[in-house]
Amino acid sequence: MSNSDQIQRILFDQIDVRGVVARLEDSYAQVLSRAEYPPVIQRVLGEMLAAVSLLSSTLKLEGRLILQAQGEGALKILMAECNHLHDLRAIARYDGDIADDAAFNELLVNGRLALTIEPEQGQRYQGVVPLEGATLAACLESYFRQSEQLPTMIRLVADGAQAAGLLLQVLPAAGHGSDDWQRISMLAATLTDAELLELDNETMLYRLFHEEQCRLYEPEPLQFRCDCSRARSAGALQMMTEEELLSLAQEHGGTIEVTCHFCNELYRFDSADIRALFSNGGPIEPSDSIH
């Protein structure tokens, strides 16, 4: 797939609509390599990754965007993140068998879907996305329509090897151009999943909008990258007391192991590390116990 692991904005010169297309391959494979996921979860994780890539392009701040779904059935949690540097990561937790043909809303029994923006500076914002559609794209479109009052079209597709997404949206505060939006959204609705996965961005843009005055911005790379660290793992351990951690380390042969669920990086802490953490009151220095 050309244009893989890239995000590219679409500029319409004469109408108040913005667009962006995202395509993932290696970054998607990196996520799937961390666990043995059944096909249906592979596909929905790919859609989640494409979705956060698209949505992060609308942010005008430094920070991260998180899309998280929780349910009470076999699928417990889906989570994908993208930050302003286009670093991606995602994870799923499930228990039991899941039908390969299950729709998105069928996966989330009594579920909820939340969109969270975490700026590096400023207040955290979270919006609850209604589960009113059979697909993730339909749920997100409903969110923008109801919560943001922004007409939005989102297309998402993933097949376990590639993932892609297209977002078209009326510009905030534009306040006009309903005829333009109807025309653009109807044209975009003709795009097939196969075309979204297989066509390069220029060909797809011409296929859809050759009668419009539009062009593509320079592509920006997408990549899998986890921001876990020894310091963050140590901070998580501080939820327990020093005595509890020392006892736990003794029960496990002298060390506590903390594994990042996103990337499987393993951090080990021995009794000296634990004492140093509480005596210093902050992050501990790296030691030979890290792997």
C-alpha atoms as a PDB file:
ATOM      1  CA  MET A   1       0.000   0.000   0.000  1.00  0.00           C
ATOM      2  CA  SER A   2       1.461   3.358  -0.974  1.00  0.00           C
ATOM      3  CA  ASN A   3       1.343   6.253   1.475  1.00  0.00           C
ATOM      4  CA  SER A   4       1.543   3.704   4.305  1.00  0.00           C
ATOM      5  CA  ASP A   5       2.285   4.941   7.841  1.00  0.00           C
ATOM      6  CA  GLN A   6       1.422   8.485   6.858  1.00  0.00           C
ATOM      7  CA  ILE A   7      -1.227  11.052   7.585  1.00  0.00           C
ATOM      8  CA  GLN A   8      -2.058  13.656   4.954  1.00  0.00           C
ATOM      9  CA  ARG A   9      -4.424  16.598   5.177  1.00  0.00           C
ATOM     10  CA  ILE A  10      -6.745  17.538   2.332  1.00  0.00           C
ATOM     11  CA  LEU A  11      -7.313  21.200   1.508  1.00  0.00           C
ATOM     12  CA  PHE A  12     -10.454  22.333  -0.318  1.00  0.00           C
ATOM     13  CA  ASP A  13      -9.739  25.766  -1.749  1.00  0.00           C
ATOM     14  CA  GLN A  14     -13.252  27.128  -2.177  1.00  0.00           C
ATOM     15  CA  ILE A  15     -15.451  25.360   0.374  1.00  0.00           C
ATOM     16  CA  ASP A  16     -15.510  25.208   4.176  1.00  0.00           C
ATOM     17  CA  VAL A  17     -14.613  21.548   4.519  1.00  0.00           C
ATOM     18  CA  ARG A  18     -11.438  19.978   5.846  1.00  0.00           C
ATOM     19  CA  GLY A  19     -10.201  16.472   5.274  1.00  0.00           C
ATOM     20  CA  VAL A  20      -7.479  14.060   6.285  1.00  0.00           C
ATOM     21  CA  VAL A  21      -6.481  10.560   5.245  1.00  0.00           C
ATOM     22  CA  ALA A  22      -4.393   8.109   7.279  1.00  0.00           C
ATOM     23  CA  ARG A  23      -2.822   4.825   6.241  1.00  0.00           C
ATOM     24  CA  LEU A  24      -1.029   2.370   8.512  1.00  0.00           C
ATOM     25  CA  GLU A  25       0.975  -0.757   7.898  1.00  0.00           C
ATOM     26  CA  ASP A  26       4.186  -1.143   9.929  1.00  0.00           C
ATOM     27  CA  SER A  27       2.808   0.776  12.917  1.00  0.00           C
ATOM     28  CA  TYR A  28      -0.295  -1.445  12.812  1.00  0.00           C
ATOM     29  CA  ALA A  29       1.866  -4.576  12.597  1.00  0.00           C
ATOM     30  CA  GLN A  30       3.892  -3.386  15.584  1.00  0.00           C
ATOM     31  CA  VAL A  31       0.733  -3.183  17.685  1.00  0.00           C
ATOM     32  CA  LEU A  32      -0.513  -6.612  16.609  1.00  0.00           C
ATOM     33  CA  SER A  33       2.882  -8.220  17.261  1.00  0.00           C
ATOM     34  CA  ARG A  34       2.527  -7.518  20.997  1.00  0.00           C
ATOM     35  CA  ALA A  35      -0.257 -10.072  21.531  1.00  0.00           C
ATOM     36  CA  GLU A  36      -2.182 -12.910  19.895  1.00  0.00           C
ATOM     37  CA  TYR A  37      -5.446 -11.238  18.944  1.00  0.00           C
ATOM     38  CA  PRO A  38      -8.341 -12.971  17.156  1.00  0.00           C
ATOM     39  CA  PRO A  39      -9.134 -11.595  13.660  1.00  0.00           C
ATOM     40  CA  VAL A  40     -12.084  -9.443  14.735  1.00  0.00           C
ATOM     41  CA  ILE A  41      -9.992  -7.669  17.375  1.00  0.00           C
ATOM     42  CA  GLN A  42      -7.137  -7.219  14.905  1.00  0.00           C
ATOM     43  CA  ARG A  43      -9.548  -5.441  12.605  1.00  0.00           C
ATOM     44  CA  VAL A  44     -11.143  -3.215  15.228  1.00  0.00           C
ATOM     45  CA  LEU A  45      -7.728  -2.279  16.675  1.00  0.00           C
ATOM     46  CA  GLY A  46      -6.699  -1.214  13.179  1.00  0.00           C
ATOM     47  CA  GLU A  47      -9.814   0.939  12.938  1.00  0.00           C
ATOM     48  CA  MET A  48      -9.076   2.427  16.368  1.00  0.00           C
ATOM     49  CA  LEU A  49      -5.518   3.296  15.268  1.00  0.00           C
ATOM     50  CA  ALA A  50      -6.750   4.885  12.051  1.00  0.00           C
ATOM     51  CA  ALA A  51      -9.397   6.815  14.008  1.00  0.00           C
ATOM     52  CA  VAL A  52      -7.010   8.348  16.557  1.00  0.00           C
ATOM     53  CA  SER A  53      -4.610   9.233  13.736  1.00  0.00           C
ATOM     54  CA  LEU A  54      -7.359  11.125  11.937  1.00  0.00           C
ATOM     55  CA  LEU A  55      -8.770  12.803  15.033  1.00  0.00           C
ATOM     56  CA  SER A  56      -5.362  13.906  16.316  1.00  0.00           C
ATOM     57  CA  SER A  57      -4.939  15.961  13.145  1.00  0.00           C
ATOM     58  CA  THR A  58      -7.741  18.269  14.303  1.00  0.00           C
ATOM     59  CA  LEU A  59      -5.928  19.155  17.559  1.00  0.00           C
ATOM     60  CA  LYS A  60      -4.101  22.453  17.833  1.00  0.00           C
ATOM     61  CA  LEU A  61      -2.114  21.597  20.950  1.00  0.00           C
ATOM     62  CA  GLU A  62       0.702  19.404  22.192  1.00  0.00           C
ATOM     63  CA  GLY A  63      -0.558  16.315  23.951  1.00  0.00           C
ATOM     64  CA  ARG A  64      -2.322  13.055  23.232  1.00  0.00           C
ATOM     65  CA  LEU A  65      -5.709  11.870  22.075  1.00  0.00           C
ATOM     66  CA  ILE A  66      -7.060   8.633  23.545  1.00  0.00           C
ATOM     67  CA  LEU A  67      -9.965   6.547  22.294  1.00  0.00           C
ATOM     68  CA  GLN A  68     -11.088   3.941  24.823  1.00  0.00           C
ATOM     69  CA  ALA A  69     -13.926   1.428  24.755  1.00  0.00           C
ATOM     70  CA  GLN A  70     -14.997  -0.772  27.665  1.00  0.00           C
ATOM     71  CA  GLY A  71     -17.579  -3.524  27.778  1.00  0.00           C
ATOM     72  CA  GLU A  72     -18.934  -6.244  30.043  1.00  0.00           C
ATOM     73  CA  GLY A  73     -18.812  -9.103  27.533  1.00  0.00           C
ATOM     74  CA  ALA A  74     -15.854 -11.108  26.260  1.00  0.00           C
ATOM     75  CA  LEU A  75     -14.206  -7.896  25.055  1.00  0.00           C
ATOM     76  CA  LYS A  76     -13.156  -5.942  28.130  1.00  0.00           C
ATOM     77  CA  ILE A  77     -11.208  -2.996  26.756  1.00  0.00           C
ATOM     78  CA  LEU A  78     -10.007  -1.414  23.535  1.00  0.00           C
ATOM     79  CA  MET A  79      -7.650   1.527  23.690  1.00  0.00           C
ATOM     80  CA  ALA A  80      -5.689   3.508  21.102  1.00  0.00           C
ATOM     81  CA  GLU A  81      -3.602   6.663  21.474  1.00  0.00           C
ATOM     82  CA  CYS A  82      -1.960   9.182  19.163  1.00  0.00           C
ATOM     83  CA  ASN A  83       0.028  12.232  20.231  1.00  0.00           C
ATOM     84  CA  HIS A  84       0.977  15.434  18.413  1.00  0.00           C
ATOM     85  CA  LEU A  85       4.145  13.733  17.125  1.00  0.00           C
ATOM     86  CA  HIS A  86       1.970  11.017  15.529  1.00  0.00           C
ATOM     87  CA  ASP A  87       3.262   8.337  17.879  1.00  0.00           C
ATOM     88  CA  LEU A  88       0.736   5.511  18.063  1.00  0.00           C
ATOM     89  CA  ARG A  89       0.012   2.661  20.432  1.00  0.00           C
ATOM     90  CA  ALA A  90      -3.003   0.457  21.114  1.00  0.00           C
ATOM     91  CA  ILE A  91      -4.121  -2.509  23.182  1.00  0.00           C
ATOM     92  CA  ALA A  92      -7.079  -4.849  23.652  1.00  0.00           C
ATOM     93  CA  ARG A  93      -8.115  -7.044  26.568  1.00  0.00           C
ATOM     94  CA  TYR A  94     -10.585  -9.870  26.109  1.00  0.00           C
ATOM     95  CA  ASP A  95     -11.671 -13.072  27.817  1.00  0.00           C
ATOM     96  CA  GLY A  96     -13.265 -15.921  25.898  1.00  0.00           C
ATOM     97  CA  ASP A  97     -14.259 -16.508  22.299  1.00  0.00           C
ATOM     98  CA  ILE A  98     -15.411 -13.696  20.038  1.00  0.00           C
ATOM     99  CA  ALA A  99     -17.212 -14.280  16.751  1.00  0.00           C
ATOM    100  CA  ASP A 100     -15.199 -13.154  13.738  1.00  0.00           C
ATOM    101  CA  ASP A 101     -18.226 -11.437  12.226  1.00  0.00           C
ATOM    102  CA  ALA A 102     -19.267  -9.534  15.372  1.00  0.00           C
ATOM    103  CA  ALA A 103     -20.142  -5.876  14.744  1.00  0.00           C
ATOM    104  CA  PHE A 104     -18.443  -3.175  16.763  1.00  0.00           C
ATOM    105  CA  ASN A 105     -21.472  -2.482  18.947  1.00  0.00           C
ATOM    106  CA  GLU A 106     -21.967  -6.231  19.489  1.00  0.00           C
ATOM    107  CA  LEU A 107     -18.443  -6.496  20.897  1.00  0.00           C
ATOM    108  CA  LEU A 108     -19.208  -3.946  23.608  1.00  0.00           C
ATOM    109  CA  VAL A 109     -21.905  -5.437  25.820  1.00  0.00           C
ATOM    110  CA  ASN A 110     -23.267  -2.625  28.025  1.00  0.00           C
ATOM    111  CA  GLY A 111     -20.276  -0.714  26.799  1.00  0.00           C
ATOM    112  CA  ARG A 112     -19.096   2.867  26.717  1.00  0.00           C
ATOM    113  CA  LEU A 113     -16.757   4.667  24.354  1.00  0.00           C
ATOM    114  CA  ALA A 114     -14.807   7.711  25.483  1.00  0.00           C
ATOM    115  CA  LEU A 115     -12.674  10.242  23.634  1.00  0.00           C
ATOM    116  CA  THR A 116     -10.068  11.903  25.843  1.00  0.00           C
ATOM    117  CA  ILE A 117      -7.714  14.789  25.091  1.00  0.00           C
ATOM    118  CA  GLU A 118      -4.720  15.113  27.418  1.00  0.00           C
ATOM    119  CA  PRO A 119      -2.745  18.299  26.690  1.00  0.00           C
ATOM    120  CA  GLU A 120       0.797  18.518  28.018  1.00  0.00           C
ATOM    121  CA  GLN A 121      -0.298  21.775  29.602  1.00  0.00           C
ATOM    122  CA  GLY A 122      -3.854  22.548  30.579  1.00  0.00           C
ATOM    123  CA  GLN A 123      -6.934  20.632  31.581  1.00  0.00           C
ATOM    124  CA  ARG A 124      -7.857  17.142  30.488  1.00  0.00           C
ATOM    125  CA  TYR A 125     -11.070  16.826  28.477  1.00  0.00           C
ATOM    126  CA  GLN A 126     -13.213  13.724  28.019  1.00  0.00           C
ATOM    127  CA  GLY A 127     -16.311  13.230  25.916  1.00  0.00           C
ATOM    128  CA  VAL A 128     -18.509  10.138  25.960  1.00  0.00           C
ATOM    129  CA  VAL A 129     -19.210   8.731  22.516  1.00  0.00           C
ATOM    130  CA  PRO A 130     -22.699   7.187  22.154  1.00  0.00           C
ATOM    131  CA  LEU A 131     -22.780   3.600  20.903  1.00  0.00           C
ATOM    132  CA  GLU A 132     -25.484   4.348  18.386  1.00  0.00           C
ATOM    133  CA  GLY A 133     -23.978   2.698  15.333  1.00  0.00           C
ATOM    134  CA  ALA A 134     -22.864  -0.760  14.278  1.00  0.00           C
ATOM    135  CA  THR A 135     -19.373   0.517  13.446  1.00  0.00           C
ATOM    136  CA  LEU A 136     -16.750   2.636  15.183  1.00  0.00           C
ATOM    137  CA  ALA A 137     -16.972   5.176  12.370  1.00  0.00           C
ATOM    138  CA  ALA A 138     -20.734   5.553  12.820  1.00  0.00           C
ATOM    139  CA  CYS A 139     -20.329   6.051  16.570  1.00  0.00           C
ATOM    140  CA  LEU A 140     -17.725   8.772  16.048  1.00  0.00           C
ATOM    141  CA  GLU A 141     -19.857  10.516  13.431  1.00  0.00           C
ATOM    142  CA  SER A 142     -22.718  10.554  15.930  1.00  0.00           C
ATOM    143  CA  TYR A 143     -20.438  12.055  18.570  1.00  0.00           C
ATOM    144  CA  PHE A 144     -19.388  14.958  16.361  1.00  0.00           C
ATOM    145  CA  ARG A 145     -22.940  15.537  15.228  1.00  0.00           C
ATOM    146  CA  GLN A 146     -24.394  15.609  18.750  1.00  0.00           C
ATOM    147  CA  SER A 147     -21.566  16.932  20.927  1.00  0.00           C
ATOM    148  CA  GLU A 148     -19.632  19.186  18.578  1.00  0.00           C
ATOM    149  CA  GLN A 149     -22.427  20.092  16.128  1.00  0.00           C
ATOM    150  CA  LEU A 150     -20.014  19.445  13.264  1.00  0.00           C
ATOM    151  CA  PRO A 151     -21.224  17.476  10.226  1.00  0.00           C
ATOM    152  CA  THR A 152     -18.594  14.746   9.858  1.00  0.00           C
ATOM    153  CA  MET A 153     -17.972  11.739   7.656  1.00  0.00           C
ATOM    154  CA  ILE A 154     -15.516   9.065   8.800  1.00  0.00           C
ATOM    155  CA  ARG A 155     -14.495   5.964   6.886  1.00  0.00           C
ATOM    156  CA  LEU A 156     -12.387   3.306   8.631  1.00  0.00           C
ATOM    157  CA  VAL A 157     -11.162  -0.054   7.378  1.00  0.00           C
ATOM    158  CA  ALA A 158      -8.612  -2.642   8.530  1.00  0.00           C
ATOM    159  CA  ASP A 159      -7.867  -6.204   7.469  1.00  0.00           C
ATOM    160  CA  GLY A 160      -5.193  -7.372   9.909  1.00  0.00           C
ATOM    161  CA  ALA A 161      -2.339  -6.226   7.647  1.00  0.00           C
ATOM    162  CA  GLN A 162      -3.324  -2.680   6.666  1.00  0.00           C
ATOM    163  CA  ALA A 163      -5.534  -0.003   8.164  1.00  0.00           C
ATOM    164  CA  ALA A 164      -6.800   3.239   6.676  1.00  0.00           C
ATOM    165  CA  GLY A 165      -9.175   6.068   7.403  1.00  0.00           C
ATOM    166  CA  LEU A 166     -10.697   9.137   5.815  1.00  0.00           C
ATOM    167  CA  LEU A 167     -12.227  12.050   7.710  1.00  0.00           C
ATOM    168  CA  LEU A 168     -14.188  14.906   6.161  1.00  0.00           C
ATOM    169  CA  GLN A 169     -15.668  17.638   8.320  1.00  0.00           C
ATOM    170  CA  VAL A 170     -17.275  21.046   8.043  1.00  0.00           C
ATOM    171  CA  LEU A 171     -14.893  23.647   9.402  1.00  0.00           C
ATOM    172  CA  PRO A 172     -15.775  24.831  12.927  1.00  0.00           C
ATOM    173  CA  ALA A 173     -17.616  28.158  13.001  1.00  0.00           C
ATOM    174  CA  ALA A 174     -17.987  28.163   9.216  1.00  0.00           C
ATOM    175  CA  GLY A 175     -21.753  28.347   9.583  1.00  0.00           C
ATOM    176  CA  HIS A 176     -22.601  27.870   5.910  1.00  0.00           C
ATOM    177  CA  GLY A 177     -21.971  25.652   2.928  1.00  0.00           C
ATOM    178  CA  SER A 178     -24.614  22.967   3.527  1.00  0.00           C
ATOM    179  CA  ASP A 179     -24.927  22.347  -0.226  1.00  0.00           C
ATOM    180  CA  ASP A 180     -21.146  21.961  -0.477  1.00  0.00           C
ATOM    181  CA  TRP A 181     -21.140  19.491   2.402  1.00  0.00           C
ATOM    182  CA  GLN A 182     -23.942  17.433   0.915  1.00  0.00           C
ATOM    183  CA  ARG A 183     -22.080  17.173  -2.377  1.00  0.00           C
ATOM    184  CA  ILE A 184     -18.716  16.301  -0.781  1.00  0.00           C
ATOM    185  CA  SER A 185     -20.171  13.734   1.608  1.00  0.00           C
ATOM    186  CA  MET A 186     -22.140  12.054  -1.198  1.00  0.00           C
ATOM    187  CA  LEU A 187     -18.979  11.775  -3.287  1.00  0.00           C
ATOM    188  CA  ALA A 188     -17.030  10.335  -0.358  1.00  0.00           C
ATOM    189  CA  ALA A 189     -19.774   7.778   0.273  1.00  0.00           C
ATOM    190  CA  THR A 190     -18.920   6.134  -3.053  1.00  0.00           C
ATOM    191  CA  LEU A 191     -15.468   5.126  -1.797  1.00  0.00           C
ATOM    192  CA  THR A 192     -15.176   1.374  -1.214  1.00  0.00           C
ATOM    193  CA  ASP A 193     -13.183  -0.286   1.561  1.00  0.00           C
ATOM    194  CA  ALA A 194     -10.873  -1.844  -1.021  1.00  0.00           C
ATOM    195  CA  GLU A 195     -10.176   1.542  -2.601  1.00  0.00           C
ATOM    196  CA  LEU A 196      -9.463   3.125   0.780  1.00  0.00           C
ATOM    197  CA  LEU A 197      -6.952   0.376   1.537  1.00  0.00           C
ATOM    198  CA  GLU A 198      -5.342   0.048  -1.864  1.00  0.00           C
ATOM    199  CA  LEU A 199      -5.363   3.406  -3.680  1.00  0.00           C
ATOM    200  CA  ASP A 200      -2.613   5.928  -3.090  1.00  0.00           C
ATOM    201  CA  ASN A 201      -3.823   9.258  -1.728  1.00  0.00           C
ATOM    202  CA  GLU A 202      -3.469  11.186  -4.985  1.00  0.00           C
ATOM    203  CA  THR A 203      -5.409   8.601  -6.948  1.00  0.00           C
ATOM    204  CA  MET A 204      -8.107   8.412  -4.294  1.00  0.00           C
ATOM    205  CA  LEU A 205      -8.442  12.197  -4.182  1.00  0.00           C
ATOM    206  CA  TYR A 206      -8.840  12.365  -7.960  1.00  0.00           C
ATOM    207  CA  ARG A 207     -11.265   9.440  -7.915  1.00  0.00           C
ATOM    208  CA  LEU A 208     -13.530  11.267  -5.435  1.00  0.00           C
ATOM    209  CA  PHE A 209     -13.057  14.981  -5.995  1.00  0.00           C
ATOM    210  CA  HIS A 210     -11.659  15.583  -9.475  1.00  0.00           C
ATOM    211  CA  GLU A 211     -14.297  18.282 -10.060  1.00  0.00           C
ATOM    212  CA  GLU A 212     -13.344  20.128  -6.856  1.00  0.00           C
ATOM    213  CA  GLN A 213     -10.410  22.434  -6.269  1.00  0.00           C
ATOM    214  CA  CYS A 214      -8.531  20.458  -3.656  1.00  0.00           C
ATOM    215  CA  ARG A 215      -5.004  19.329  -2.929  1.00  0.00           C
ATOM    216  CA  LEU A 216      -2.966  17.362  -0.443  1.00  0.00           C
ATOM    217  CA  TYR A 217      -0.625  18.770   2.165  1.00  0.00           C
ATOM    218  CA  GLU A 218       2.788  17.191   2.585  1.00  0.00           C
ATOM    219  CA  PRO A 219       2.464  13.797   4.296  1.00  0.00           C
ATOM    220  CA  GLU A 220       3.485  13.378   7.926  1.00  0.00           C
ATOM    221  CA  PRO A 221       4.829  10.046   9.223  1.00  0.00           C
ATOM    222  CA  LEU A 222       2.953   7.815  11.637  1.00  0.00           C
ATOM    223  CA  GLN A 223       4.880   5.411  13.847  1.00  0.00           C
ATOM    224  CA  PHE A 224       4.397   2.998  16.682  1.00  0.00           C
ATOM    225  CA  ARG A 225       6.089   4.313  19.814  1.00  0.00           C
ATOM    226  CA  CYS A 226       5.371   3.654  23.459  1.00  0.00           C
ATOM    227  CA  ASP A 227       6.252   6.286  26.048  1.00  0.00           C
ATOM    228  CA  CYS A 228       6.489   3.894  28.955  1.00  0.00           C
ATOM    229  CA  SER A 229       9.581   4.301  31.125  1.00  0.00           C
ATOM    230  CA  ARG A 230      11.234   3.037  34.261  1.00  0.00           C
ATOM    231  CA  ALA A 231      10.245   6.237  36.034  1.00  0.00           C
ATOM    232  CA  ARG A 232       6.572   5.779  35.140  1.00  0.00           C
ATOM    233  CA  SER A 233       6.660   2.175  36.272  1.00  0.00           C
ATOM    234  CA  ALA A 234       8.235   3.264  39.547  1.00  0.00           C
ATOM    235  CA  GLY A 235       5.491   5.840  39.968  1.00  0.00           C
ATOM    236  CA  ALA A 236       2.888   3.126  39.558  1.00  0.00           C
ATOM    237  CA  LEU A 237       4.596   1.077  42.281  1.00  0.00           C
ATOM    238  CA  GLN A 238       4.285   4.005  44.675  1.00  0.00           C
ATOM    239  CA  MET A 239       0.574   3.300  44.891  1.00  0.00           C
ATOM    240  CA  MET A 240       1.705   0.671  47.426  1.00  0.00           C
ATOM    241  CA  THR A 241       3.754   1.199  50.580  1.00  0.00           C
ATOM    242  CA  GLU A 242       7.451   0.442  50.855  1.00  0.00           C
ATOM    243  CA  GLU A 243       6.735  -2.434  53.231  1.00  0.00           C
ATOM    244  CA  GLU A 244       4.191  -3.974  50.864  1.00  0.00           C
ATOM    245  CA  LEU A 245       6.574  -3.750  47.932  1.00  0.00           C
ATOM    246  CA  LEU A 246       9.500  -5.243  49.849  1.00  0.00           C
ATOM    247  CA  SER A 247       7.296  -8.132  50.950  1.00  0.00           C
ATOM    248  CA  LEU A 248       6.064  -8.636  47.383  1.00  0.00           C
ATOM    249  CA  ALA A 249       9.632  -8.620  46.054  1.00  0.00           C
ATOM    250  CA  GLN A 250      10.654 -11.232  48.627  1.00  0.00           C
ATOM    251  CA  GLU A 251       7.759 -13.454  47.565  1.00  0.00           C
ATOM    252  CA  HIS A 252       8.948 -13.271  43.947  1.00  0.00           C
ATOM    253  CA  GLY A 253      12.609 -14.134  44.398  1.00  0.00           C
ATOM    254  CA  GLY A 254      13.865 -10.667  45.291  1.00  0.00           C
ATOM    255  CA  THR A 255      12.427  -8.571  42.453  1.00  0.00           C
ATOM    256  CA  ILE A 256       9.165  -7.045  41.262  1.00  0.00           C
ATOM    257  CA  GLU A 257       8.522  -7.105  37.538  1.00  0.00           C
ATOM    258  CA  VAL A 258       6.406  -4.448  35.827  1.00  0.00           C
ATOM    259  CA  THR A 259       5.444  -5.091  32.198  1.00  0.00           C
ATOM    260  CA  CYS A 260       4.057  -2.402  29.907  1.00  0.00           C
ATOM    261  CA  HIS A 261       0.827  -3.735  28.427  1.00  0.00           C
ATOM    262  CA  PHE A 262       1.316  -1.710  25.236  1.00  0.00           C
ATOM    263  CA  CYS A 263       4.836  -2.761  24.222  1.00  0.00           C
ATOM    264  CA  ASN A 264       5.742  -5.631  26.592  1.00  0.00           C
ATOM    265  CA  GLU A 265       8.802  -3.777  27.882  1.00  0.00           C
ATOM    266  CA  LEU A 266       9.843  -5.306  31.204  1.00  0.00           C
ATOM    267  CA  TYR A 267      11.111  -3.279  34.172  1.00  0.00           C
ATOM    268  CA  ARG A 268      12.561  -5.017  37.233  1.00  0.00           C
ATOM    269  CA  PHE A 269      12.895  -3.520  40.704  1.00  0.00           C
ATOM    270  CA  ASP A 270      14.871  -5.172  43.495  1.00  0.00           C
ATOM    271  CA  SER A 271      14.804  -4.323  47.200  1.00  0.00           C
ATOM    272  CA  ALA A 272      17.537  -1.686  46.803  1.00  0.00           C
ATOM    273  CA  ASP A 273      15.528  -0.005  44.043  1.00  0.00           C
ATOM    274  CA  ILE A 274      12.401   0.010  46.211  1.00  0.00           C
ATOM    275  CA  ARG A 275      14.193   1.536  49.211  1.00  0.00           C
ATOM    276  CA  ALA A 276      15.818   4.157  46.980  1.00  0.00           C
ATOM    277  CA  LEU A 277      12.445   5.052  45.496  1.00  0.00           C
ATOM    278  CA  PHE A 278      10.902   5.827  48.878  1.00  0.00           C
ATOM    279  CA  SER A 279      13.979   7.441  50.397  1.00  0.00           C
ATOM    280  CA  ASN A 280      14.423   9.769  47.425  1.00  0.00           C
ATOM    281  CA  GLY A 281      10.736  10.450  46.999  1.00  0.00           C
ATOM    282  CA  GLY A 282      11.010  10.430  43.238  1.00  0.00           C
ATOM    283  CA  PRO A 283      12.076   8.451  40.188  1.00  0.00           C
ATOM    284  CA  ILE A 284      14.897   6.014  40.760  1.00  0.00           C
ATOM    285  CA  GLU A 285      17.988   5.846  38.614  1.00  0.00           C
ATOM    286  CA  PRO A 286      18.425   3.082  36.062  1.00  0.00           C
ATOM    287  CA  SER A 287      20.178  -0.029  37.311  1.00  0.00           C
ATOM    288  CA  ASP A 288      21.381  -3.356  35.996  1.00  0.00           C
ATOM    289  CA  SER A 289      18.041  -4.826  37.034  1.00  0.00           C
ATOM    290  CA  ILE A 290      16.303  -3.199  34.042  1.00  0.00           C
ATOM    291  CA  HIS A 291      15.656  -5.346  30.980  1.00  0.00           C
END
